PDB file of N, CA and C in Angstrom:
ATOM      1  N   UNK A   1     110.562 109.587  76.833  1.00  0.00           N
ATOM      2  CA  UNK A   1     111.247 108.678  77.774  1.00  0.00           C
ATOM      3  C   UNK A   1     110.581 108.565  78.948  1.00  0.00           C
ATOM      4  N   UNK A   2     109.820 109.765  79.313  1.00  0.00           N
ATOM      5  CA  UNK A   2     109.046 109.621  80.808  1.00  0.00           C
ATOM      6  C   UNK A   2     107.876 108.639  80.665  1.00  0.00           C
ATOM      7  N   UNK A   3     107.273 108.512  79.656  1.00  0.00           N
ATOM      8  CA  UNK A   3     106.168 107.595  79.265  1.00  0.00           C
ATOM      9  C   UNK A   3     106.617 106.260  79.326  1.00  0.00           C
ATOM     10  N   UNK A   4     107.780 106.013  78.722  1.00  0.00           N
ATOM     11  CA  UNK A   4     108.344 104.502  78.674  1.00  0.00           C
ATOM     12  C   UNK A   4     108.591 104.202  80.062  1.00  0.00           C
ATOM     13  N   UNK A   5     109.221 105.094  80.907  1.00  0.00           N
ATOM     14  CA  UNK A   5     109.550 104.706  82.395  1.00  0.00           C
ATOM     15  C   UNK A   5     108.316 104.296  83.018  1.00  0.00           C
ATOM     16  N   UNK A   6     107.218 105.071  82.922  1.00  0.00           N
ATOM     17  CA  UNK A   6     105.962 104.963  83.624  1.00  0.00           C
ATOM     18  C   UNK A   6     105.390 103.616  83.153  1.00  0.00           C
ATOM     19  N   UNK A   7     105.343 103.413  81.871  1.00  0.00           N
ATOM     20  CA  UNK A   7     104.985 102.064  81.351  1.00  0.00           C
ATOM     21  C   UNK A   7     105.858 100.906  81.939  1.00  0.00           C
ATOM     22  N   UNK A   8     106.995 100.990  82.028  1.00  0.00           N
ATOM     23  CA  UNK A   8     107.877 100.080  82.646  1.00  0.00           C
ATOM     24  C   UNK A   8     107.594  99.667  84.070  1.00  0.00           C
ATOM     25  N   UNK A   9     107.325 100.897  84.853  1.00  0.00           N
ATOM     26  CA  UNK A   9     107.039 100.584  86.138  1.00  0.00           C
ATOM     27  C   UNK A   9     105.709  99.920  86.570  1.00  0.00           C
ATOM     28  N   UNK A  10     104.637 100.315  85.560  1.00  0.00           N
ATOM     29  CA  UNK A  10     103.371  99.700  85.625  1.00  0.00           C
ATOM     30  C   UNK A  10     103.641  98.185  85.365  1.00  0.00           C
ATOM     31  N   UNK A  11     104.297  97.847  84.251  1.00  0.00           N
ATOM     32  CA  UNK A  11     104.405  96.493  83.864  1.00  0.00           C
ATOM     33  C   UNK A  11     105.310  95.513  84.796  1.00  0.00           C
ATOM     34  N   UNK A  12     106.438  96.164  85.450  1.00  0.00           N
ATOM     35  CA  UNK A  12     107.336  95.489  86.460  1.00  0.00           C
ATOM     36  C   UNK A  12     106.336  95.367  87.716  1.00  0.00           C
ATOM     37  N   UNK A  13     105.655  96.460  88.104  1.00  0.00           N
ATOM     38  CA  UNK A  13     104.771  96.507  89.357  1.00  0.00           C
ATOM     39  C   UNK A  13     103.941  95.521  89.088  1.00  0.00           C
ATOM     40  N   UNK A  14     103.059  95.378  88.226  1.00  0.00           N
ATOM     41  CA  UNK A  14     102.031  94.362  87.908  1.00  0.00           C
ATOM     42  C   UNK A  14     102.582  92.857  87.958  1.00  0.00           C
ATOM     43  N   UNK A  15     103.685  92.725  87.444  1.00  0.00           N
ATOM     44  CA  UNK A  15     104.229  91.427  87.493  1.00  0.00           C
ATOM     45  C   UNK A  15     104.623  91.085  88.841  1.00  0.00           C
ATOM     46  N   UNK A  16     105.298  91.879  89.392  1.00  0.00           N
ATOM     47  CA  UNK A  16     105.729  91.611  90.824  1.00  0.00           C
ATOM     48  C   UNK A  16     104.591  91.496  91.905  1.00  0.00           C
ATOM     49  N   UNK A  17     103.444  92.300  91.570  1.00  0.00           N
ATOM     50  CA  UNK A  17     102.204  91.987  92.409  1.00  0.00           C
ATOM     51  C   UNK A  17     101.848  90.653  92.299  1.00  0.00           C
ATOM     52  N   UNK A  18     101.719  89.885  91.218  1.00  0.00           N
ATOM     53  CA  UNK A  18     101.400  88.604  91.011  1.00  0.00           C
ATOM     54  C   UNK A  18     102.157  87.718  91.575  1.00  0.00           C
ATOM     55  N   UNK A  19     103.680  88.122  91.493  1.00  0.00           N
ATOM     56  CA  UNK A  19     104.543  87.047  92.338  1.00  0.00           C
ATOM     57  C   UNK A  19     104.314  87.100  93.803  1.00  0.00           C
ATOM     58  N   UNK A  20     104.313  88.363  94.313  1.00  0.00           N
ATOM     59  CA  UNK A  20     104.272  88.448  95.643  1.00  0.00           C
ATOM     60  C   UNK A  20     102.919  87.997  96.155  1.00  0.00           C
ATOM     61  N   UNK A  21     101.790  88.135  95.311  1.00  0.00           N
ATOM     62  CA  UNK A  21     100.407  87.647  95.781  1.00  0.00           C
ATOM     63  C   UNK A  21     100.442  86.096  95.850  1.00  0.00           C
ATOM     64  N   UNK A  22     101.195  85.620  94.931  1.00  0.00           N
ATOM     65  CA  UNK A  22     101.369  84.248  94.843  1.00  0.00           C
ATOM     66  C   UNK A  22     102.098  83.678  96.116  1.00  0.00           C
ATOM     67  N   UNK A  23     103.322  84.323  96.589  1.00  0.00           N
ATOM     68  CA  UNK A  23     104.072  84.033  97.723  1.00  0.00           C
ATOM     69  C   UNK A  23     103.129  83.963  98.902  1.00  0.00           C
ATOM     70  N   UNK A  24     102.319  85.181  98.925  1.00  0.00           N
ATOM     71  CA  UNK A  24     101.491  85.442 100.149  1.00  0.00           C
ATOM     72  C   UNK A  24     100.285  84.495 100.229  1.00  0.00           C
ATOM     73  N   UNK A  25     100.064  83.941  99.096  1.00  0.00           N
ATOM     74  CA  UNK A  25      98.794  82.809  99.146  1.00  0.00           C
ATOM     75  C   UNK A  25      99.628  81.582  99.689  1.00  0.00           C
ATOM     76  N   UNK A  26     100.666  81.283  99.449  1.00  0.00           N
ATOM     77  CA  UNK A  26     101.397  80.009  99.831  1.00  0.00           C
ATOM     78  C   UNK A  26     101.771  80.127 101.396  1.00  0.00           C
ATOM     79  N   UNK A  27     102.024  81.446 101.883  1.00  0.00           N
ATOM     80  CA  UNK A  27     102.626  81.383 103.206  1.00  0.00           C
ATOM     81  C   UNK A  27     101.444  81.193 104.237  1.00  0.00           C
ATOM     82  N   UNK A  28     101.667  80.824 105.337  1.00  0.00           N
ATOM     83  CA  UNK A  28     100.670  80.773 106.541  1.00  0.00           C
ATOM     84  C   UNK A  28     101.176  81.721 107.506  1.00  0.00           C
ATOM     85  N   UNK A  29     100.322  82.433 108.174  1.00  0.00           N
ATOM     86  CA  UNK A  29      98.957  82.546 107.936  1.00  0.00           C
ATOM     87  C   UNK A  29      98.520  83.561 106.809  1.00  0.00           C
ATOM     88  N   UNK A  30      97.451  83.419 106.377  1.00  0.00           N
ATOM     89  CA  UNK A  30      96.948  84.311 105.121  1.00  0.00           C
ATOM     90  C   UNK A  30      96.901  85.806 105.277  1.00  0.00           C
ATOM     91  N   UNK A  31      97.185  86.166 106.450  1.00  0.00           N
ATOM     92  CA  UNK A  31      97.388  87.792 106.743  1.00  0.00           C
ATOM     93  C   UNK A  31      98.519  88.333 105.979  1.00  0.00           C
ATOM     94  N   UNK A  32      99.536  87.523 105.541  1.00  0.00           N
ATOM     95  CA  UNK A  32     100.616  88.020 104.936  1.00  0.00           C
ATOM     96  C   UNK A  32     100.392  88.273 103.364  1.00  0.00           C
ATOM     97  N   UNK A  33      99.143  87.876 102.825  1.00  0.00           N
ATOM     98  CA  UNK A  33      98.744  88.064 101.404  1.00  0.00           C
ATOM     99  C   UNK A  33      98.708  89.548 101.123  1.00  0.00           C
ATOM    100  N   UNK A  34      98.006  90.315 101.987  1.00  0.00           N
ATOM    101  CA  UNK A  34      97.939  91.692 101.553  1.00  0.00           C
ATOM    102  C   UNK A  34      99.320  92.330 101.750  1.00  0.00           C
ATOM    103  N   UNK A  35     100.094  91.842 102.640  1.00  0.00           N
ATOM    104  CA  UNK A  35     101.354  92.557 102.847  1.00  0.00           C
ATOM    105  C   UNK A  35     102.340  92.543 101.833  1.00  0.00           C
ATOM    106  N   UNK A  36     102.555  91.133 101.249  1.00  0.00           N
ATOM    107  CA  UNK A  36     103.167  91.018 100.057  1.00  0.00           C
ATOM    108  C   UNK A  36     102.371  91.261  98.712  1.00  0.00           C
ATOM    109  N   UNK A  37     101.254  91.788  98.862  1.00  0.00           N
ATOM    110  CA  UNK A  37     100.558  91.958  97.605  1.00  0.00           C
ATOM    111  C   UNK A  37     101.056  93.279  96.872  1.00  0.00           C
ATOM    112  N   UNK A  38     101.337  94.380  97.659  1.00  0.00           N
ATOM    113  CA  UNK A  38     101.407  95.711  96.849  1.00  0.00           C
ATOM    114  C   UNK A  38     102.748  96.318  97.127  1.00  0.00           C
ATOM    115  N   UNK A  39     103.181  96.542  98.262  1.00  0.00           N
ATOM    116  CA  UNK A  39     104.226  97.446  98.840  1.00  0.00           C
ATOM    117  C   UNK A  39     105.386  96.919  98.256  1.00  0.00           C
ATOM    118  N   UNK A  40     105.953  95.684  98.584  1.00  0.00           N
ATOM    119  CA  UNK A  40     107.269  95.313  98.056  1.00  0.00           C
ATOM    120  C   UNK A  40     107.356  95.315  96.545  1.00  0.00           C
ATOM    121  N   UNK A  41     106.262  94.957  95.924  1.00  0.00           N
ATOM    122  CA  UNK A  41     106.459  94.696  94.466  1.00  0.00           C
ATOM    123  C   UNK A  41     106.498  96.065  93.750  1.00  0.00           C
ATOM    124  N   UNK A  42     105.692  97.120  94.198  1.00  0.00           N
ATOM    125  CA  UNK A  42     105.761  98.330  93.688  1.00  0.00           C
ATOM    126  C   UNK A  42     107.273  99.199  94.076  1.00  0.00           C
ATOM    127  N   UNK A  43     107.697  98.812  95.195  1.00  0.00           N
ATOM    128  CA  UNK A  43     108.915  99.410  95.474  1.00  0.00           C
ATOM    129  C   UNK A  43     110.045  98.814  94.636  1.00  0.00           C
ATOM    130  N   UNK A  44     110.036  97.467  94.600  1.00  0.00           N
ATOM    131  CA  UNK A  44     111.059  96.936  93.596  1.00  0.00           C
ATOM    132  C   UNK A  44     110.829  97.239  92.319  1.00  0.00           C
ATOM    133  N   UNK A  45     109.508  97.446  91.627  1.00  0.00           N
ATOM    134  CA  UNK A  45     109.530  97.879  90.242  1.00  0.00           C
ATOM    135  C   UNK A  45     110.102  99.228  90.253  1.00  0.00           C
ATOM    136  N   UNK A  46     109.805  99.991  91.185  1.00  0.00           N
ATOM    137  CA  UNK A  46     110.175 101.463  90.858  1.00  0.00           C
ATOM    138  C   UNK A  46     111.776 101.584  90.973  1.00  0.00           C
ATOM    139  N   UNK A  47     112.335 100.626  91.842  1.00  0.00           N
ATOM    140  CA  UNK A  47     113.868 100.486  91.790  1.00  0.00           C
ATOM    141  C   UNK A  47     114.466 100.039  90.570  1.00  0.00           C
ATOM    142  N   UNK A  48     113.908  98.968  90.104  1.00  0.00           N
ATOM    143  CA  UNK A  48     114.360  98.293  88.709  1.00  0.00           C
ATOM    144  C   UNK A  48     114.335  99.446  87.692  1.00  0.00           C
ATOM    145  N   UNK A  49     113.314 100.255  87.530  1.00  0.00           N
ATOM    146  CA  UNK A  49     113.124 101.231  86.630  1.00  0.00           C
ATOM    147  C   UNK A  49     114.028 102.327  86.668  1.00  0.00           C
ATOM    148  N   UNK A  50     114.116 102.762  87.918  1.00  0.00           N
ATOM    149  CA  UNK A  50     114.984 103.895  88.316  1.00  0.00           C
ATOM    150  C   UNK A  50     116.499 103.587  87.810  1.00  0.00           C
ATOM    151  N   UNK A  51     116.961 102.198  88.250  1.00  0.00           N
ATOM    152  CA  UNK A  51     118.341 101.964  87.824  1.00  0.00           C
ATOM    153  C   UNK A  51     118.490 101.849  86.252  1.00  0.00           C
ATOM    154  N   UNK A  52     117.361 101.443  85.462  1.00  0.00           N
ATOM    155  CA  UNK A  52     117.619 101.373  84.187  1.00  0.00           C
ATOM    156  C   UNK A  52     117.574 102.790  83.520  1.00  0.00           C
ATOM    157  N   UNK A  53     116.830 103.717  83.949  1.00  0.00           N
ATOM    158  CA  UNK A  53     116.813 104.919  83.498  1.00  0.00           C
ATOM    159  C   UNK A  53     117.446 106.009  84.012  1.00  0.00           C
ATOM    160  N   UNK A  54     117.873 106.014  85.217  1.00  0.00           N
ATOM    161  CA  UNK A  54     118.510 107.108  85.978  1.00  0.00           C
ATOM    162  C   UNK A  54     119.948 106.547  86.638  1.00  0.00           C
ATOM    163  N   UNK A  55     120.002 105.311  86.733  1.00  0.00           N
ATOM    164  CA  UNK A  55     121.378 104.775  87.393  1.00  0.00           C
ATOM    165  C   UNK A  55     121.233 104.442  88.915  1.00  0.00           C
ATOM    166  N   UNK A  56     122.274 103.589  89.191  1.00  0.00           N
ATOM    167  CA  UNK A  56     122.127 103.074  90.618  1.00  0.00           C
ATOM    168  C   UNK A  56     122.438 104.002  91.620  1.00  0.00           C
ATOM    169  N   UNK A  57     122.910 105.159  91.574  1.00  0.00           N
ATOM    170  CA  UNK A  57     123.149 106.090  92.575  1.00  0.00           C
ATOM    171  C   UNK A  57     121.755 106.784  92.709  1.00  0.00           C
ATOM    172  N   UNK A  58     121.060 107.259  91.680  1.00  0.00           N
ATOM    173  CA  UNK A  58     119.672 107.615  92.058  1.00  0.00           C
ATOM    174  C   UNK A  58     119.007 106.558  92.766  1.00  0.00           C
ATOM    175  N   UNK A  59     118.949 105.536  92.257  1.00  0.00           N
ATOM    176  CA  UNK A  59     117.978 104.134  92.902  1.00  0.00           C
ATOM    177  C   UNK A  59     118.431 104.239  94.525  1.00  0.00           C
ATOM    178  N   UNK A  60     119.848 104.384  94.798  1.00  0.00           N
ATOM    179  CA  UNK A  60     120.231 104.203  96.080  1.00  0.00           C
ATOM    180  C   UNK A  60     119.499 105.122  97.005  1.00  0.00           C
ATOM    181  N   UNK A  61     119.561 106.569  96.393  1.00  0.00           N
ATOM    182  CA  UNK A  61     118.907 107.576  97.245  1.00  0.00           C
ATOM    183  C   UNK A  61     117.269 107.220  97.421  1.00  0.00           C
ATOM    184  N   UNK A  62     116.753 106.628  96.382  1.00  0.00           N
ATOM    185  CA  UNK A  62     115.266 106.186  96.374  1.00  0.00           C
ATOM    186  C   UNK A  62     115.096 105.323  97.498  1.00  0.00           C
ATOM    187  N   UNK A  63     115.997 104.221  97.463  1.00  0.00           N
ATOM    188  CA  UNK A  63     115.909 103.160  98.385  1.00  0.00           C
ATOM    189  C   UNK A  63     116.122 103.737  99.912  1.00  0.00           C
ATOM    190  N   UNK A  64     116.997 104.568  99.976  1.00  0.00           N
ATOM    191  CA  UNK A  64     117.017 105.157 101.497  1.00  0.00           C
ATOM    192  C   UNK A  64     115.908 105.683 101.895  1.00  0.00           C
ATOM    193  N   UNK A  65     115.317 106.612 100.977  1.00  0.00           N
ATOM    194  CA  UNK A  65     113.939 107.123 101.298  1.00  0.00           C
ATOM    195  C   UNK A  65     113.007 106.199 101.601  1.00  0.00           C
ATOM    196  N   UNK A  66     112.999 105.193 101.044  1.00  0.00           N
ATOM    197  CA  UNK A  66     111.862 103.971 101.180  1.00  0.00           C
ATOM    198  C   UNK A  66     112.212 103.455 102.738  1.00  0.00           C
ATOM    199  N   UNK A  67     113.377 103.387 102.894  1.00  0.00           N
ATOM    200  CA  UNK A  67     113.754 102.884 104.280  1.00  0.00           C
ATOM    201  C   UNK A  67     113.360 103.839 105.461  1.00  0.00           C
ATOM    202  N   UNK A  68     113.423 105.016 105.264  1.00  0.00           N
ATOM    203  CA  UNK A  68     113.054 105.931 106.161  1.00  0.00           C
ATOM    204  C   UNK A  68     111.597 105.954 106.389  1.00  0.00           C
ATOM    205  N   UNK A  69     110.783 105.797 105.126  1.00  0.00           N
ATOM    206  CA  UNK A  69     109.390 105.788 105.249  1.00  0.00           C
ATOM    207  C   UNK A  69     108.713 104.470 106.015  1.00  0.00           C
ATOM    208  N   UNK A  70     109.609 103.481 105.773  1.00  0.00           N
ATOM    209  CA  UNK A  70     109.182 102.140 106.420  1.00  0.00           C
ATOM    210  C   UNK A  70     109.449 102.232 108.012  1.00  0.00           C
ATOM    211  N   UNK A  71     110.489 102.811 108.393  1.00  0.00           N
ATOM    212  CA  UNK A  71     110.699 103.027 109.938  1.00  0.00           C
ATOM    213  C   UNK A  71     109.697 103.883 110.517  1.00  0.00           C
ATOM    214  N   UNK A  72     109.202 104.891 109.834  1.00  0.00           N
ATOM    215  CA  UNK A  72     107.914 105.652 110.291  1.00  0.00           C
ATOM    216  C   UNK A  72     106.781 104.981 110.352  1.00  0.00           C
ATOM    217  N   UNK A  73     106.493 103.972 109.177  1.00  0.00           N
ATOM    218  CA  UNK A  73     105.421 103.157 109.199  1.00  0.00           C
ATOM    219  C   UNK A  73     105.302 102.202 110.367  1.00  0.00           C
ATOM    220  N   UNK A  74     106.517 101.521 110.649  1.00  0.00           N
ATOM    221  CA  UNK A  74     106.515 100.595 111.764  1.00  0.00           C
ATOM    222  C   UNK A  74     106.200 101.299 113.101  1.00  0.00           C
ATOM    223  N   UNK A  75     106.542 102.357 113.332  1.00  0.00           N
ATOM    224  CA  UNK A  75     106.364 103.226 114.535  1.00  0.00           C
ATOM    225  C   UNK A  75     104.936 103.644 114.557  1.00  0.00           C
ATOM    226  N   UNK A  76     104.309 104.074 113.356  1.00  0.00           N
ATOM    227  CA  UNK A  76     102.910 104.334 113.300  1.00  0.00           C
ATOM    228  C   UNK A  76     102.096 103.098 113.613  1.00  0.00           C
ATOM    229  N   UNK A  77     102.295 101.873 113.205  1.00  0.00           N
ATOM    230  CA  UNK A  77     101.537 100.668 113.377  1.00  0.00           C
ATOM    231  C   UNK A  77     101.451 100.400 114.924  1.00  0.00           C
ATOM    232  N   UNK A  78     102.642 100.409 115.626  1.00  0.00           N
ATOM    233  CA  UNK A  78     102.670 100.183 117.084  1.00  0.00           C
ATOM    234  C   UNK A  78     102.008 101.363 117.666  1.00  0.00           C
ATOM    235  N   UNK A  79     102.013 102.633 117.404  1.00  0.00           N
ATOM    236  CA  UNK A  79     101.594 103.593 118.078  1.00  0.00           C
ATOM    237  C   UNK A  79      99.977 103.687 117.819  1.00  0.00           C
ATOM    238  N   UNK A  80      99.596 103.367 116.459  1.00  0.00           N
ATOM    239  CA  UNK A  80      98.129 103.385 116.331  1.00  0.00           C
ATOM    240  C   UNK A  80      97.235 102.430 117.003  1.00  0.00           C
ATOM    241  N   UNK A  81      97.871 101.144 117.313  1.00  0.00           N
ATOM    242  CA  UNK A  81      97.218 100.267 117.886  1.00  0.00           C
ATOM    243  C   UNK A  81      96.887 100.435 119.395  1.00  0.00           C
ATOM    244  N   UNK A  82      97.795 101.376 119.991  1.00  0.00           N
ATOM    245  CA  UNK A  82      97.514 101.808 121.389  1.00  0.00           C
ATOM    246  C   UNK A  82      96.662 103.083 121.420  1.00  0.00           C
ATOM    247  N   UNK A  83      97.077 103.992 120.516  1.00  0.00           N
ATOM    248  CA  UNK A  83      96.251 105.114 120.462  1.00  0.00           C
ATOM    249  C   UNK A  83      94.701 105.270 120.072  1.00  0.00           C
ATOM    250  N   UNK A  84      94.456 104.456 118.967  1.00  0.00           N
ATOM    251  CA  UNK A  84      93.042 104.300 118.628  1.00  0.00           C
ATOM    252  C   UNK A  84      92.198 103.411 119.862  1.00  0.00           C
ATOM    253  N   UNK A  85      92.776 102.767 120.392  1.00  0.00           N
ATOM    254  CA  UNK A  85      92.117 102.103 121.723  1.00  0.00           C
ATOM    255  C   UNK A  85      91.768 103.220 122.864  1.00  0.00           C
ATOM    256  N   UNK A  86      92.741 104.043 122.779  1.00  0.00           N
ATOM    257  CA  UNK A  86      92.511 104.962 123.889  1.00  0.00           C
ATOM    258  C   UNK A  86      91.726 106.297 123.445  1.00  0.00           C
ATOM    259  N   UNK A  87      91.889 106.897 122.233  1.00  0.00           N
ATOM    260  CA  UNK A  87      91.401 108.201 121.817  1.00  0.00           C
ATOM    261  C   UNK A  87      90.200 107.834 120.667  1.00  0.00           C
ATOM    262  N   UNK A  88      90.062 106.623 120.177  1.00  0.00           N
ATOM    263  CA  UNK A  88      89.008 106.604 119.064  1.00  0.00           C
ATOM    264  C   UNK A  88      89.663 106.591 118.005  1.00  0.00           C
ATOM    265  N   UNK A  89      89.080 106.250 116.729  1.00  0.00           N
ATOM    266  CA  UNK A  89      89.530 105.965 115.466  1.00  0.00           C
ATOM    267  C   UNK A  89      90.138 107.354 114.953  1.00  0.00           C
ATOM    268  N   UNK A  90      89.426 108.490 114.991  1.00  0.00           N
ATOM    269  CA  UNK A  90      89.849 109.751 114.251  1.00  0.00           C
ATOM    270  C   UNK A  90      91.114 110.172 115.285  1.00  0.00           C
ATOM    271  N   UNK A  91      90.766 110.516 116.399  1.00  0.00           N
ATOM    272  CA  UNK A  91      91.810 111.146 117.426  1.00  0.00           C
ATOM    273  C   UNK A  91      93.225 110.143 117.392  1.00  0.00           C
ATOM    274  N   UNK A  92      92.959 109.096 117.434  1.00  0.00           N
ATOM    275  CA  UNK A  92      93.984 107.924 117.479  1.00  0.00           C
ATOM    276  C   UNK A  92      94.884 108.032 116.286  1.00  0.00           C
ATOM    277  N   UNK A  93      94.264 108.054 115.138  1.00  0.00           N
ATOM    278  CA  UNK A  93      94.921 108.089 113.893  1.00  0.00           C
ATOM    279  C   UNK A  93      95.738 109.330 113.694  1.00  0.00           C
ATOM    280  N   UNK A  94      95.103 110.438 113.944  1.00  0.00           N
ATOM    281  CA  UNK A  94      95.825 111.724 113.970  1.00  0.00           C
ATOM    282  C   UNK A  94      96.834 111.657 114.630  1.00  0.00           C
ATOM    283  N   UNK A  95      97.105 111.296 115.946  1.00  0.00           N
ATOM    284  CA  UNK A  95      98.084 111.194 116.833  1.00  0.00           C
ATOM    285  C   UNK A  95      99.171 110.105 116.305  1.00  0.00           C
ATOM    286  N   UNK A  96      98.760 108.953 115.808  1.00  0.00           N
ATOM    287  CA  UNK A  96      99.478 108.172 115.134  1.00  0.00           C
ATOM    288  C   UNK A  96     100.199 108.617 114.200  1.00  0.00           C
ATOM    289  N   UNK A  97      99.704 109.479 113.265  1.00  0.00           N
ATOM    290  CA  UNK A  97     100.348 110.261 112.001  1.00  0.00           C
ATOM    291  C   UNK A  97     101.585 110.862 112.599  1.00  0.00           C
ATOM    292  N   UNK A  98     101.365 111.504 113.764  1.00  0.00           N
ATOM    293  CA  UNK A  98     102.502 112.380 114.324  1.00  0.00           C
ATOM    294  C   UNK A  98     103.643 111.257 114.635  1.00  0.00           C
ATOM    295  N   UNK A  99     103.154 110.158 115.086  1.00  0.00           N
ATOM    296  CA  UNK A  99     104.168 109.115 115.401  1.00  0.00           C
ATOM    297  C   UNK A  99     104.907 108.499 114.158  1.00  0.00           C
ATOM    298  N   UNK A 100     104.265 108.926 113.013  1.00  0.00           N
ATOM    299  CA  UNK A 100     104.962 108.242 111.635  1.00  0.00           C
ATOM    300  C   UNK A 100     105.857 109.314 111.339  1.00  0.00           C
ATOM    301  N   UNK A 101     105.394 110.504 111.285  1.00  0.00           N
ATOM    302  CA  UNK A 101     106.297 111.551 110.610  1.00  0.00           C
ATOM    303  C   UNK A 101     107.556 111.889 111.251  1.00  0.00           C
ATOM    304  N   UNK A 102     107.427 111.962 112.510  1.00  0.00           N
ATOM    305  CA  UNK A 102     108.718 112.293 113.320  1.00  0.00           C
ATOM    306  C   UNK A 102     109.941 111.232 113.128  1.00  0.00           C
ATOM    307  N   UNK A 103     109.646 110.043 113.178  1.00  0.00           N
ATOM    308  CA  UNK A 103     110.782 109.197 112.973  1.00  0.00           C
ATOM    309  C   UNK A 103     111.096 108.949 111.589  1.00  0.00           C
ATOM    310  N   UNK A 104     110.060 109.067 110.818  1.00  0.00           N
ATOM    311  CA  UNK A 104     110.352 108.978 109.255  1.00  0.00           C
ATOM    312  C   UNK A 104     111.229 110.168 108.873  1.00  0.00           C
ATOM    313  N   UNK A 105     110.956 111.530 109.439  1.00  0.00           N
ATOM    314  CA  UNK A 105     111.783 112.561 108.953  1.00  0.00           C
ATOM    315  C   UNK A 105     113.220 112.465 109.501  1.00  0.00           C
ATOM    316  N   UNK A 106     113.156 111.845 110.812  1.00  0.00           N
ATOM    317  CA  UNK A 106     114.513 111.632 111.372  1.00  0.00           C
ATOM    318  C   UNK A 106     115.338 110.587 110.687  1.00  0.00           C
ATOM    319  N   UNK A 107     114.672 109.560 110.289  1.00  0.00           N
ATOM    320  CA  UNK A 107     115.526 108.449 109.530  1.00  0.00           C
ATOM    321  C   UNK A 107     115.836 109.080 108.119  1.00  0.00           C
ATOM    322  N   UNK A 108     114.967 109.951 107.420  1.00  0.00           N
ATOM    323  CA  UNK A 108     115.442 110.435 106.282  1.00  0.00           C
ATOM    324  C   UNK A 108     116.599 111.319 106.282  1.00  0.00           C
ATOM    325  N   UNK A 109     116.579 112.036 107.430  1.00  0.00           N
ATOM    326  CA  UNK A 109     117.643 113.145 107.595  1.00  0.00           C
ATOM    327  C   UNK A 109     118.745 112.443 107.814  1.00  0.00           C
ATOM    328  N   UNK A 110     118.886 111.220 108.615  1.00  0.00           N
ATOM    329  CA  UNK A 110     120.156 110.528 108.739  1.00  0.00           C
ATOM    330  C   UNK A 110     120.699 109.758 107.440  1.00  0.00           C
ATOM    331  N   UNK A 111     119.705 109.157 106.721  1.00  0.00           N
ATOM    332  CA  UNK A 111     120.018 108.338 105.535  1.00  0.00           C
ATOM    333  C   UNK A 111     120.055 109.057 104.330  1.00  0.00           C
ATOM    334  N   UNK A 112     119.409 110.141 104.056  1.00  0.00           N
ATOM    335  CA  UNK A 112     119.305 110.838 102.689  1.00  0.00           C
ATOM    336  C   UNK A 112     120.185 112.171 102.560  1.00  0.00           C
ATOM    337  N   UNK A 113     120.135 112.793 103.608  1.00  0.00           N
ATOM    338  CA  UNK A 113     120.750 114.195 103.768  1.00  0.00           C
ATOM    339  C   UNK A 113     121.810 114.339 102.979  1.00  0.00           C
TER     340      UNK A 113
END
């Protein structure tokens, strides 16, 4: 059963990568192509397969975890753009990681606990 779930995730993820890449290709500016290429399609494929194999309740918990991670990623992006300019690539990236983990864990605690 586990192998079937992994195969379904790969099939769904690949299909959705193609769909989202096509969407990114149509949208302007082309910067969105990479954004739509992987993360949304993999997340949706994972949720589809989780609903099919484990039920909606488990998928709801997974989706709340994805939301918490995306909150942290948004903060990371804002922080990294300032911190890398100030501290260089390595120092800024390490400090920005802290800016990711703190809000991500906070959101996870609020949403999933």
